[in-house]
Amino acid sequence: MAAASTAPTVSPADGVDTRRRWLMAALAFVLLLRLFTLGSYPLMDTSEARYGEIVRIMQLSGNWVTPQETVGTPFWAKPPLYAWLATVSIELFGLREWALRLPSLLCGLGVLLLCHSWSAALARRPALPSSAGGQALAPLLSCLVLATTVLFFIGFGAVMTDPALCLCTAWMMVSFQRAVIDGSARTVWRYGFFAAAGFAMLAKGPVAMLYAGLPLLVWVPWCGRWREAWQLLPWVRGSLLSVILFVPWYVWAEARTPGFLNYFLVGEHLMRYLRPGWTGDRYGTAHQEPIGTVWAYLAGAMGLWTIALAALLRPASGWLGRAQDFLRDDATRWAVLTALLPLLVFTFARNVIWTYAMPSLLPLSVLLGRELARRASMPGRWGRAVMLLAAGSIVVLTVGVIAWAPMRAGGSSFALPVAAWQARVGSEPGPLLFWGVKTPASLRFYSRGQARTTPDLQPQLAGLSPGDRLYVAIDAERLPALRQLAYTQPQPLDLQVVEQVKHALIAVVVRR
């Protein structure tokens, strides 16, 4: 009698473990990719280089109270938390691009830890039945979704205010989930909600309350959880903690530079959003985008995961009933409110930029990761689709950060032209001037403040003596005008282009 043949079998648990290992490896790869590319391209104009220069001046001046755009010129647009973190970093590691960007990456790691905690808490909810495989995959998949969204990957590796803000708002969102909805008595959640609110006021100001405070005001009456919301959070002591954390700096900043509070609280937080084309902006140009632009920004911010989101939200038979079942749980309601309410508010604002969608990425990733994990843990096409979207997102980010980002940054920065000037000025000395109204931030940063601005170059050229050199930094499109100005001088001048990138160059003018 022939022996019965036995075929190897693969249990559902084995499949889940394989996917968990794959998700962990993919997440580790993305984080290492972001870490090792922090210093692979220069600071970009205008925002990133501006904040880098503010940090450089803070370290140089020792003034940690008033951020300064240029020495002696206060920068009132944002509170200083981002500058404090970056200044500590360059004190430890030196004035390098990767050191300036490192605090943003560390904030991103904090957000991912909170994402894992939030997603795991949702997966355990008895009101949200899910397979053991779905519960195991949800936290890791939520973190991978978040880490591979385009805006998270870019923003948490850039010198900007939003990473610190997102860490604070994430802490508030998860603290409310764990303390009020889950009933945790841990201090990190009960008092963490208020500590995060205080730090958020130092990160970007009252706008932070839009991301967690407004959802709280809607969630409590919607769920009828007035008593729990009052009893499970220490509102009196917690609010005092918040005040102690942020009020002293606001008072000190106004005392140092009177007028700050009016500009920051009224201008930046009311006029910027209520008045399209607001002309009171001291540090840039008010945007005039069409109403609803924030949703287009969100789609771009999500990257390839927008495809999964659209597939899950497509109207179909019984869609309304499924939506009602989906929103039956209080924890799901909280996640949905934190994701959508800020975006609904910004729908009617025309002065918006795509980073306004950044804090909503966390709750969206938690919700998306939970649903995708539930579907991917079952046989069918969803498991393959999730892995394909994750792999595609990683490929897009890898190509972007290795190939596109250095080209884009180099074309919008004076880093290379200034390096060429620094290489020549030792043997062929001459001052560096920017021909224009306001020196670009990257020129100020990379020249370490040595570049001077002149709107009228004619007197500088006329004052050259034989053998003198004058290095002129200009936007590339102004090169013909510089040539014309040099050639029309009474005394002959030689004009040479030392270094040119897409938008910026350094030219040297020599008197024969």
Protein backbone atom coordinates (compact mmCIF):
# COMPACT_ATOMS: atom_id res chain seq x y z
CA MET A 1 0.00 0.00 0.00
CA ALA A 2 1.48 3.35 -1.08
CA ALA A 3 2.15 5.88 1.62
CA ALA A 4 -0.23 8.82 1.60
CA SER A 5 1.42 11.97 0.26
CA THR A 6 1.45 14.97 2.51
CA ALA A 7 1.50 18.56 1.23
CA PRO A 8 2.76 21.41 3.35
CA THR A 9 0.06 23.72 4.60
CA VAL A 10 0.29 27.37 5.43
CA SER A 11 -1.82 28.52 8.34
CA PRO A 12 -3.43 31.98 8.44
CA ALA A 13 -1.16 32.82 11.36
CA ASP A 14 1.90 32.08 9.23
CA GLY A 15 0.62 34.46 6.57
CA VAL A 16 0.03 37.20 9.12
CA ASP A 17 3.51 36.73 10.61
CA THR A 18 5.06 36.97 7.16
CA ARG A 19 3.21 40.21 6.45
CA ARG A 20 4.14 41.62 9.85
CA ARG A 21 7.83 40.94 9.17
CA TRP A 22 7.50 42.53 5.75
CA LEU A 23 5.81 45.61 7.21
CA MET A 24 8.50 45.96 9.88
CA ALA A 25 11.26 45.68 7.28
CA ALA A 26 9.55 48.19 5.00
CA LEU A 27 9.06 50.67 7.85
CA ALA A 28 12.69 50.31 8.95
CA PHE A 29 13.86 50.90 5.38
CA VAL A 30 11.79 54.09 5.04
CA LEU A 31 13.08 55.51 8.33
CA LEU A 32 16.71 54.69 7.51
CA LEU A 33 16.26 56.20 4.04
CA ARG A 34 14.97 59.40 5.60
CA LEU A 35 17.79 59.46 8.17
CA PHE A 36 20.65 58.92 5.73
CA THR A 37 19.37 61.50 3.24
CA LEU A 38 18.87 64.35 5.71
CA GLY A 39 22.09 66.04 4.60
CA SER A 40 22.16 65.00 0.95
CA TYR A 41 20.80 68.27 -0.44
CA PRO A 42 20.96 71.94 0.55
CA LEU A 43 18.33 73.99 2.37
CA MET A 44 15.67 75.17 -0.06
CA ASP A 45 14.39 78.68 -0.51
CA THR A 46 12.26 80.10 0.76
CA SER A 47 10.89 78.52 3.92
CA GLU A 48 13.47 75.89 4.82
CA ALA A 49 16.46 78.19 4.27
CA ARG A 50 14.69 80.97 6.19
CA TYR A 51 14.17 78.76 9.23
CA GLY A 52 17.74 77.49 8.97
CA GLU A 53 19.02 81.07 8.98
CA ILE A 54 16.82 81.92 11.98
CA VAL A 55 18.40 79.01 13.85
CA ARG A 56 21.90 80.10 12.84
CA ILE A 57 21.24 83.62 14.13
CA MET A 58 19.75 82.27 17.37
CA GLN A 59 22.91 80.31 18.05
CA LEU A 60 25.15 83.21 17.02
CA SER A 61 23.32 85.89 19.02
CA GLY A 62 22.41 83.81 22.06
CA ASN A 63 18.92 85.37 21.91
CA TRP A 64 16.52 82.49 22.52
CA VAL A 65 13.51 84.74 23.18
CA THR A 66 12.96 86.48 19.84
CA PRO A 67 13.62 84.56 16.61
CA GLN A 68 15.31 86.85 14.08
CA GLU A 69 15.06 86.66 10.30
CA THR A 70 18.15 88.84 9.99
CA VAL A 71 20.29 90.15 12.82
CA GLY A 72 18.17 92.73 14.63
CA THR A 73 14.98 91.96 12.65
CA PRO A 74 12.45 89.97 14.72
CA PHE A 75 10.55 87.14 13.07
CA TRP A 76 7.03 87.32 14.48
CA ALA A 77 5.34 84.77 12.22
CA LYS A 78 6.02 81.67 14.36
CA PRO A 79 6.83 80.80 18.00
CA PRO A 80 10.33 79.46 18.71
CA LEU A 81 9.96 75.75 19.57
CA TYR A 82 11.32 74.60 16.20
CA ALA A 83 14.26 77.02 16.54
CA TRP A 84 15.03 75.87 20.08
CA LEU A 85 15.15 72.22 19.01
CA ALA A 86 17.30 72.92 15.95
CA THR A 87 19.65 75.21 17.89
CA VAL A 88 20.27 72.47 20.44
CA SER A 89 20.96 70.09 17.55
CA ILE A 90 23.56 72.32 15.88
CA GLU A 91 25.15 73.01 19.26
CA LEU A 92 25.70 69.25 19.52
CA PHE A 93 26.51 68.35 15.92
CA GLY A 94 27.57 71.57 14.19
CA LEU A 95 25.90 73.82 11.64
CA ARG A 96 25.04 71.20 9.02
CA GLU A 97 21.91 70.49 7.00
CA TRP A 98 21.35 67.10 8.60
CA ALA A 99 21.73 68.55 12.10
CA LEU A 100 19.16 71.24 11.32
CA ARG A 101 16.74 68.62 9.99
CA LEU A 102 17.32 66.02 12.70
CA PRO A 103 14.78 67.44 15.22
CA SER A 104 12.05 67.15 12.57
CA LEU A 105 12.88 63.49 12.05
CA LEU A 106 12.84 62.88 15.82
CA CYS A 107 9.41 64.52 15.99
CA GLY A 108 8.33 62.17 13.21
CA LEU A 109 9.50 59.16 15.21
CA GLY A 110 7.44 60.41 18.14
CA VAL A 111 4.36 60.71 15.92
CA LEU A 112 4.90 57.16 14.64
CA LEU A 113 5.07 55.82 18.21
CA LEU A 114 1.81 57.60 18.99
CA CYS A 115 0.34 56.23 15.75
CA HIS A 116 1.21 52.69 16.83
CA SER A 117 -0.35 53.25 20.27
CA TRP A 118 -3.55 54.74 18.82
CA SER A 119 -3.95 52.05 16.18
CA ALA A 120 -3.36 49.25 18.70
CA ALA A 121 -5.95 50.78 21.02
CA LEU A 122 -8.52 50.90 18.23
CA ALA A 123 -7.78 47.35 17.15
CA ARG A 124 -8.55 46.12 20.68
CA ARG A 125 -11.94 47.84 20.86
CA PRO A 126 -14.70 45.26 21.52
CA ALA A 127 -17.12 47.42 19.54
CA LEU A 128 -14.92 46.96 16.47
CA PRO A 129 -14.69 43.21 15.88
CA SER A 130 -11.71 42.19 13.82
CA SER A 131 -9.76 39.04 13.17
CA ALA A 132 -6.64 38.31 15.18
CA GLY A 133 -4.66 38.88 11.99
CA GLY A 134 -6.22 42.29 11.48
CA GLN A 135 -5.44 43.28 15.07
CA ALA A 136 -1.82 42.19 14.64
CA LEU A 137 -1.31 44.00 11.33
CA ALA A 138 -3.18 47.25 12.07
CA PRO A 139 -0.57 49.11 14.19
CA LEU A 140 2.34 48.36 11.85
CA LEU A 141 0.33 49.02 8.72
CA SER A 142 -0.95 52.34 10.10
CA CYS A 143 2.63 53.39 10.83
CA LEU A 144 3.80 52.36 7.37
CA VAL A 145 0.94 54.21 5.71
CA LEU A 146 1.82 57.34 7.67
CA ALA A 147 5.57 57.07 7.08
CA THR A 148 5.12 56.63 3.32
CA THR A 149 2.72 59.50 2.73
CA VAL A 150 4.48 62.14 0.67
CA LEU A 151 3.94 65.02 3.08
CA PHE A 152 5.07 63.07 6.16
CA PHE A 153 8.25 61.90 4.44
CA ILE A 154 9.11 65.39 3.18
CA GLY A 155 7.94 67.39 6.17
CA PHE A 156 9.59 65.29 8.84
CA GLY A 157 12.93 65.72 7.13
CA ALA A 158 12.77 69.48 6.65
CA VAL A 159 13.58 72.56 8.71
CA MET A 160 10.10 73.86 9.44
CA THR A 161 7.62 74.46 12.25
CA ASP A 162 5.07 71.79 11.33
CA PRO A 163 6.85 68.65 12.63
CA ALA A 164 6.88 70.01 16.19
CA LEU A 165 3.25 71.07 15.81
CA CYS A 166 2.27 67.61 14.55
CA LEU A 167 3.98 65.89 17.46
CA CYS A 168 2.03 68.11 19.88
CA THR A 169 -1.33 67.63 18.17
CA ALA A 170 -0.70 63.88 17.87
CA TRP A 171 0.00 63.72 21.60
CA MET A 172 -3.27 65.57 22.27
CA MET A 173 -5.28 63.31 19.96
CA VAL A 174 -3.91 60.07 21.38
CA SER A 175 -4.09 61.33 24.97
CA PHE A 176 -7.81 62.01 24.60
CA GLN A 177 -8.32 58.57 23.07
CA ARG A 178 -6.43 56.78 25.83
CA ALA A 179 -7.57 58.86 28.82
CA VAL A 180 -11.22 59.57 28.03
CA ILE A 181 -12.32 56.88 25.59
CA ASP A 182 -10.18 54.00 26.91
CA GLY A 183 -10.22 55.20 30.53
CA SER A 184 -6.46 55.02 31.11
CA ALA A 185 -5.27 56.70 34.32
CA ARG A 186 -1.66 57.07 33.15
CA THR A 187 -0.18 60.53 33.66
CA VAL A 188 1.32 60.59 30.18
CA TRP A 189 -2.24 60.68 28.80
CA ARG A 190 -4.23 62.58 31.44
CA TYR A 191 -1.72 65.39 31.92
CA GLY A 192 -0.06 64.81 28.59
CA PHE A 193 -3.10 66.25 26.83
CA PHE A 194 -2.49 69.61 28.51
CA ALA A 195 1.30 69.49 28.31
CA ALA A 196 0.99 68.89 24.58
CA ALA A 197 -1.39 71.83 24.29
CA GLY A 198 1.14 74.09 26.02
CA PHE A 199 3.97 72.95 23.76
CA ALA A 200 1.70 73.35 20.73
CA MET A 201 1.30 77.04 21.62
CA LEU A 202 5.10 77.26 21.46
CA ALA A 203 5.20 75.30 18.21
CA LYS A 204 2.73 77.27 16.10
CA GLY A 205 0.24 79.05 18.33
CA PRO A 206 -3.54 78.85 18.81
CA VAL A 207 -4.10 77.23 15.40
CA ALA A 208 -3.02 73.99 17.09
CA MET A 209 -6.32 73.94 18.99
CA LEU A 210 -8.12 73.51 15.66
CA TYR A 211 -6.70 70.00 15.31
CA ALA A 212 -7.67 68.62 18.72
CA GLY A 213 -9.74 71.25 20.55
CA LEU A 214 -12.47 71.64 17.91
CA PRO A 215 -12.94 67.86 17.49
CA LEU A 216 -13.27 67.60 21.28
CA LEU A 217 -16.05 70.21 21.31
CA VAL A 218 -17.96 68.23 18.68
CA TRP A 219 -17.21 64.72 20.00
CA VAL A 220 -18.48 65.31 23.54
CA PRO A 221 -22.09 66.28 22.65
CA TRP A 222 -22.18 63.82 19.72
CA CYS A 223 -21.31 60.89 21.99
CA GLY A 224 -23.00 62.26 25.12
CA ARG A 225 -19.82 61.74 27.15
CA TRP A 226 -19.90 64.98 29.16
CA ARG A 227 -19.20 63.33 32.51
CA GLU A 228 -16.27 61.22 31.30
CA ALA A 229 -14.69 64.14 29.46
CA TRP A 230 -14.85 66.25 32.62
CA GLN A 231 -13.87 63.62 35.19
CA LEU A 232 -11.14 61.72 33.33
CA LEU A 233 -9.08 64.77 32.36
CA PRO A 234 -7.69 67.10 35.08
CA TRP A 235 -9.02 70.27 33.52
CA VAL A 236 -8.06 72.71 36.27
CA ARG A 237 -4.56 71.45 37.04
CA GLY A 238 -3.96 70.51 33.43
CA SER A 239 -4.93 73.94 32.14
CA LEU A 240 -2.62 75.50 34.72
CA LEU A 241 0.19 73.27 33.42
CA SER A 242 -0.46 74.50 29.86
CA VAL A 243 -0.41 78.13 30.97
CA ILE A 244 2.84 77.66 32.88
CA LEU A 245 4.44 76.15 29.77
CA PHE A 246 3.60 78.79 27.17
CA VAL A 247 2.48 82.08 28.74
CA PRO A 248 5.91 83.17 30.08
CA TRP A 249 7.43 83.14 26.60
CA TYR A 250 4.52 85.10 25.09
CA VAL A 251 4.82 87.76 27.78
CA TRP A 252 8.60 87.93 27.45
CA ALA A 253 8.45 88.08 23.65
CA GLU A 254 6.00 91.01 23.73
CA ALA A 255 8.17 92.82 26.28
CA ARG A 256 11.24 92.35 24.08
CA THR A 257 9.53 93.43 20.83
CA PRO A 258 6.23 95.30 21.41
CA GLY A 259 3.65 94.59 18.74
CA PHE A 260 4.37 90.87 18.50
CA LEU A 261 1.12 89.72 20.12
CA ASN A 262 -1.09 91.85 17.88
CA TYR A 263 0.68 90.73 14.71
CA PHE A 264 0.86 87.06 15.66
CA LEU A 265 -2.54 86.51 17.28
CA VAL A 266 -4.66 88.84 15.11
CA GLY A 267 -2.72 88.94 11.85
CA GLU A 268 -1.40 85.41 11.56
CA HIS A 269 -4.44 83.69 13.09
CA LEU A 270 -7.37 85.77 11.82
CA MET A 271 -6.49 88.03 8.91
CA ARG A 272 -4.42 85.35 7.16
CA TYR A 273 -7.44 83.05 6.86
CA LEU A 274 -10.33 85.49 6.72
CA ARG A 275 -8.96 88.00 4.22
CA PRO A 276 -7.76 86.60 0.87
CA GLY A 277 -4.64 88.40 -0.33
CA TRP A 278 -4.03 89.81 3.16
CA THR A 279 -1.41 92.53 2.73
CA GLY A 280 -0.24 92.58 6.33
CA ASP A 281 2.07 89.59 5.90
CA ARG A 282 5.57 90.75 6.82
CA TYR A 283 7.39 87.65 5.68
CA GLY A 284 5.88 86.48 2.40
CA THR A 285 2.94 86.76 0.08
CA ALA A 286 -0.58 85.82 1.12
CA HIS A 287 -1.94 83.00 -1.02
CA GLN A 288 -5.23 83.28 -2.91
CA GLU A 289 -6.16 79.69 -3.64
CA PRO A 290 -9.62 78.53 -4.77
CA ILE A 291 -11.99 77.45 -2.02
CA GLY A 292 -11.53 73.75 -1.31
CA THR A 293 -7.85 73.66 -2.31
CA VAL A 294 -6.95 71.96 0.98
CA TRP A 295 -8.55 68.72 -0.30
CA ALA A 296 -6.31 68.70 -3.36
CA TYR A 297 -3.37 69.26 -1.02
CA LEU A 298 -4.53 66.31 1.07
CA ALA A 299 -4.65 64.05 -1.99
CA GLY A 300 -1.10 65.04 -2.88
CA ALA A 301 0.00 64.64 0.72
CA MET A 302 -1.33 61.08 0.91
CA GLY A 303 0.49 60.04 -2.25
CA LEU A 304 -0.42 56.57 -3.57
CA TRP A 305 -2.50 55.86 -0.46
CA THR A 306 -5.11 58.20 -1.95
CA ILE A 307 -5.98 55.27 -4.25
CA ALA A 308 -6.84 53.03 -1.29
CA LEU A 309 -8.78 55.82 0.39
CA ALA A 310 -10.82 56.46 -2.76
CA ALA A 311 -11.52 52.74 -3.18
CA LEU A 312 -12.80 52.43 0.38
CA LEU A 313 -14.96 55.56 0.16
CA ARG A 314 -16.53 54.95 -3.25
CA PRO A 315 -20.36 55.06 -3.10
CA ALA A 316 -21.96 51.65 -3.51
CA SER A 317 -25.09 49.77 -2.55
CA GLY A 318 -25.61 49.95 1.20
CA TRP A 319 -22.90 52.58 1.59
CA LEU A 320 -24.93 54.75 3.96
CA GLY A 321 -25.73 51.86 6.28
CA ARG A 322 -22.08 50.80 6.41
CA ALA A 323 -21.10 54.39 7.20
CA GLN A 324 -23.55 54.46 10.10
CA ASP A 325 -22.17 51.19 11.44
CA PHE A 326 -18.65 52.50 11.03
CA LEU A 327 -19.44 55.59 13.12
CA ARG A 328 -21.27 53.69 15.85
CA ASP A 329 -18.15 53.44 18.02
CA ASP A 330 -17.03 56.51 19.98
CA ALA A 331 -13.35 55.87 19.25
CA THR A 332 -13.97 55.84 15.51
CA ARG A 333 -15.93 59.05 15.81
CA TRP A 334 -12.98 60.69 17.55
CA ALA A 335 -10.55 59.60 14.83
CA VAL A 336 -12.88 60.77 12.06
CA LEU A 337 -13.42 64.16 13.70
CA THR A 338 -9.70 64.80 14.20
CA ALA A 339 -9.06 63.85 10.58
CA LEU A 340 -11.85 65.81 8.89
CA LEU A 341 -12.92 68.80 11.01
CA PRO A 342 -9.71 70.84 10.49
CA LEU A 343 -9.88 70.14 6.75
CA LEU A 344 -13.53 71.25 6.66
CA VAL A 345 -12.56 74.53 8.34
CA PHE A 346 -9.71 75.09 5.86
CA THR A 347 -12.08 74.30 2.98
CA PHE A 348 -13.36 77.86 3.16
CA ALA A 349 -9.94 79.48 3.62
CA ARG A 350 -8.18 80.63 0.47
CA ASN A 351 -4.86 81.44 2.10
CA VAL A 352 -3.70 77.85 2.57
CA ILE A 353 -0.60 75.76 1.91
CA TRP A 354 -0.31 71.99 1.77
CA THR A 355 1.32 71.61 5.19
CA TYR A 356 -2.02 72.55 6.78
CA ALA A 357 -3.11 68.97 6.03
CA MET A 358 -0.15 67.45 7.91
CA PRO A 359 -1.77 66.92 11.36
CA SER A 360 -4.72 65.15 9.72
CA LEU A 361 -2.41 62.49 8.28
CA LEU A 362 -2.14 60.71 11.65
CA PRO A 363 -5.85 59.96 12.24
CA LEU A 364 -6.34 59.21 8.54
CA SER A 365 -3.48 56.71 8.64
CA VAL A 366 -4.86 55.09 11.79
CA LEU A 367 -8.28 54.66 10.21
CA LEU A 368 -6.91 53.57 6.86
CA GLY A 369 -4.41 51.18 8.41
CA ARG A 370 -7.10 49.54 10.55
CA GLU A 371 -9.43 48.96 7.62
CA LEU A 372 -6.70 47.82 5.24
CA ALA A 373 -5.32 45.44 7.90
CA ARG A 374 -8.76 43.91 8.37
CA ARG A 375 -9.13 43.30 4.66
CA ALA A 376 -5.52 42.26 4.06
CA SER A 377 -5.73 39.59 6.78
CA MET A 378 -8.39 37.76 4.78
CA PRO A 379 -7.87 35.89 1.50
CA GLY A 380 -8.47 38.00 -1.58
CA ARG A 381 -7.11 40.83 -3.65
CA TRP A 382 -6.84 43.36 -0.81
CA GLY A 383 -3.75 41.73 0.65
CA ARG A 384 -1.91 42.00 -2.67
CA ALA A 385 -3.21 45.52 -3.26
CA VAL A 386 -1.96 46.75 0.12
CA MET A 387 1.51 45.33 -0.42
CA LEU A 388 1.61 46.78 -3.94
CA LEU A 389 0.65 50.26 -2.70
CA ALA A 390 3.22 50.09 0.09
CA ALA A 391 5.97 48.96 -2.26
CA GLY A 392 5.00 51.59 -4.84
CA SER A 393 5.06 54.33 -2.20
CA ILE A 394 8.52 53.28 -1.07
CA VAL A 395 9.83 53.29 -4.65
CA VAL A 396 8.38 56.77 -5.29
CA LEU A 397 9.92 58.16 -2.09
CA THR A 398 13.29 56.54 -2.78
CA VAL A 399 13.51 57.94 -6.30
CA GLY A 400 12.29 61.30 -5.07
CA VAL A 401 14.74 61.75 -2.21
CA ILE A 402 17.77 60.35 -4.06
CA ALA A 403 17.25 61.77 -7.57
CA TRP A 404 14.67 64.56 -7.52
CA ALA A 405 15.25 66.31 -4.16
CA PRO A 406 18.95 67.21 -4.73
CA MET A 407 18.12 68.56 -8.19
CA ARG A 408 15.13 70.53 -6.90
CA ALA A 409 17.00 71.86 -3.86
CA GLY A 410 20.10 72.77 -5.84
CA GLY A 411 18.02 74.71 -8.34
CA SER A 412 16.29 76.77 -5.65
CA SER A 413 19.26 77.47 -3.41
CA PHE A 414 22.42 79.59 -3.46
CA ALA A 415 24.39 76.77 -1.79
CA LEU A 416 26.50 75.87 -4.85
CA PRO A 417 27.16 79.47 -5.99
CA VAL A 418 28.21 80.47 -2.47
CA ALA A 419 30.51 77.45 -2.26
CA ALA A 420 32.15 78.59 -5.51
CA TRP A 421 32.59 82.10 -4.07
CA GLN A 422 34.10 80.73 -0.89
CA ALA A 423 36.55 78.64 -2.92
CA ARG A 424 37.75 81.71 -4.89
CA VAL A 425 37.62 84.51 -2.36
CA GLY A 426 40.74 83.34 -0.51
CA SER A 427 43.01 83.90 -3.52
CA GLU A 428 40.87 86.47 -5.34
CA PRO A 429 39.21 88.53 -2.58
CA GLY A 430 36.12 90.63 -3.11
CA PRO A 431 32.84 91.39 -1.33
CA LEU A 432 29.63 89.46 -2.06
CA LEU A 433 26.57 91.53 -2.98
CA PHE A 434 23.04 90.49 -3.82
CA TRP A 435 21.53 92.64 -6.53
CA GLY A 436 17.92 92.96 -5.47
CA VAL A 437 15.58 94.15 -2.73
CA LYS A 438 15.87 91.32 -0.19
CA THR A 439 18.65 88.77 0.13
CA PRO A 440 17.36 85.20 -0.37
CA ALA A 441 17.48 83.17 2.83
CA SER A 442 19.74 80.49 1.36
CA LEU A 443 22.27 83.18 0.35
CA ARG A 444 22.26 84.59 3.87
CA PHE A 445 22.59 81.12 5.39
CA TYR A 446 25.36 79.72 3.22
CA SER A 447 27.38 82.94 3.21
CA ARG A 448 27.01 82.98 7.02
CA GLY A 449 25.57 86.47 6.80
CA GLN A 450 28.42 87.91 4.74
CA ALA A 451 26.30 88.71 1.68
CA ARG A 452 25.00 92.29 1.54
CA THR A 453 22.00 93.55 -0.41
CA THR A 454 21.95 96.47 -2.82
CA PRO A 455 18.96 97.42 -4.97
CA ASP A 456 21.22 99.73 -7.04
CA LEU A 457 24.41 98.13 -8.30
CA GLN A 458 25.55 101.11 -10.38
CA PRO A 459 27.45 102.95 -7.58
CA GLN A 460 29.19 99.71 -6.59
CA LEU A 461 30.45 99.12 -10.13
CA ALA A 462 31.47 102.74 -10.61
CA GLY A 463 33.53 102.63 -7.42
CA LEU A 464 35.76 99.73 -8.52
CA SER A 465 39.47 100.50 -8.86
CA PRO A 466 41.75 98.68 -11.32
CA GLY A 467 42.20 95.07 -10.20
CA ASP A 468 39.21 95.15 -7.81
CA ARG A 469 36.74 92.28 -7.79
CA LEU A 470 33.10 92.34 -6.87
CA TYR A 471 31.10 89.12 -6.57
CA VAL A 472 27.43 89.57 -7.47
CA ALA A 473 24.74 87.06 -6.50
CA ILE A 474 21.62 87.33 -8.62
CA ASP A 475 18.65 85.32 -9.77
CA ALA A 476 19.63 83.63 -13.02
CA GLU A 477 17.11 85.51 -15.16
CA ARG A 478 18.82 88.80 -14.29
CA LEU A 479 22.14 87.82 -15.88
CA PRO A 480 21.42 89.71 -19.15
CA ALA A 481 20.67 92.87 -17.13
CA LEU A 482 23.95 92.48 -15.23
CA ARG A 483 25.87 92.04 -18.48
CA GLN A 484 24.27 95.16 -19.89
CA LEU A 485 25.07 97.15 -16.75
CA ALA A 486 28.71 96.00 -16.78
CA TYR A 487 29.21 96.77 -20.45
CA THR A 488 27.78 100.29 -20.19
CA GLN A 489 30.22 101.47 -17.52
CA PRO A 490 32.63 104.30 -18.49
CA GLN A 491 35.57 102.09 -17.51
CA PRO A 492 35.75 98.58 -19.05
CA LEU A 493 34.66 95.74 -16.73
CA ASP A 494 35.14 91.99 -17.15
CA LEU A 495 32.14 89.82 -16.24
CA GLN A 496 32.56 86.11 -15.52
CA VAL A 497 29.99 83.59 -14.32
CA VAL A 498 31.58 81.62 -11.49
CA GLU A 499 28.77 79.16 -10.74
CA GLN A 500 25.23 78.92 -12.09
CA VAL A 501 22.33 76.69 -11.14
CA LYS A 502 18.76 76.89 -12.32
CA HIS A 503 17.66 79.92 -10.32
CA ALA A 504 20.81 81.40 -8.83
CA LEU A 505 24.33 82.32 -9.80
CA ILE A 506 27.45 84.14 -8.72
CA ALA A 507 29.19 86.43 -11.18
CA VAL A 508 32.45 88.32 -10.67
CA VAL A 509 33.02 91.80 -12.03
CA VAL A 510 36.68 92.84 -12.36
CA ARG A 511 37.96 96.32 -13.14
CA ARG A 512 40.77 96.07 -15.71
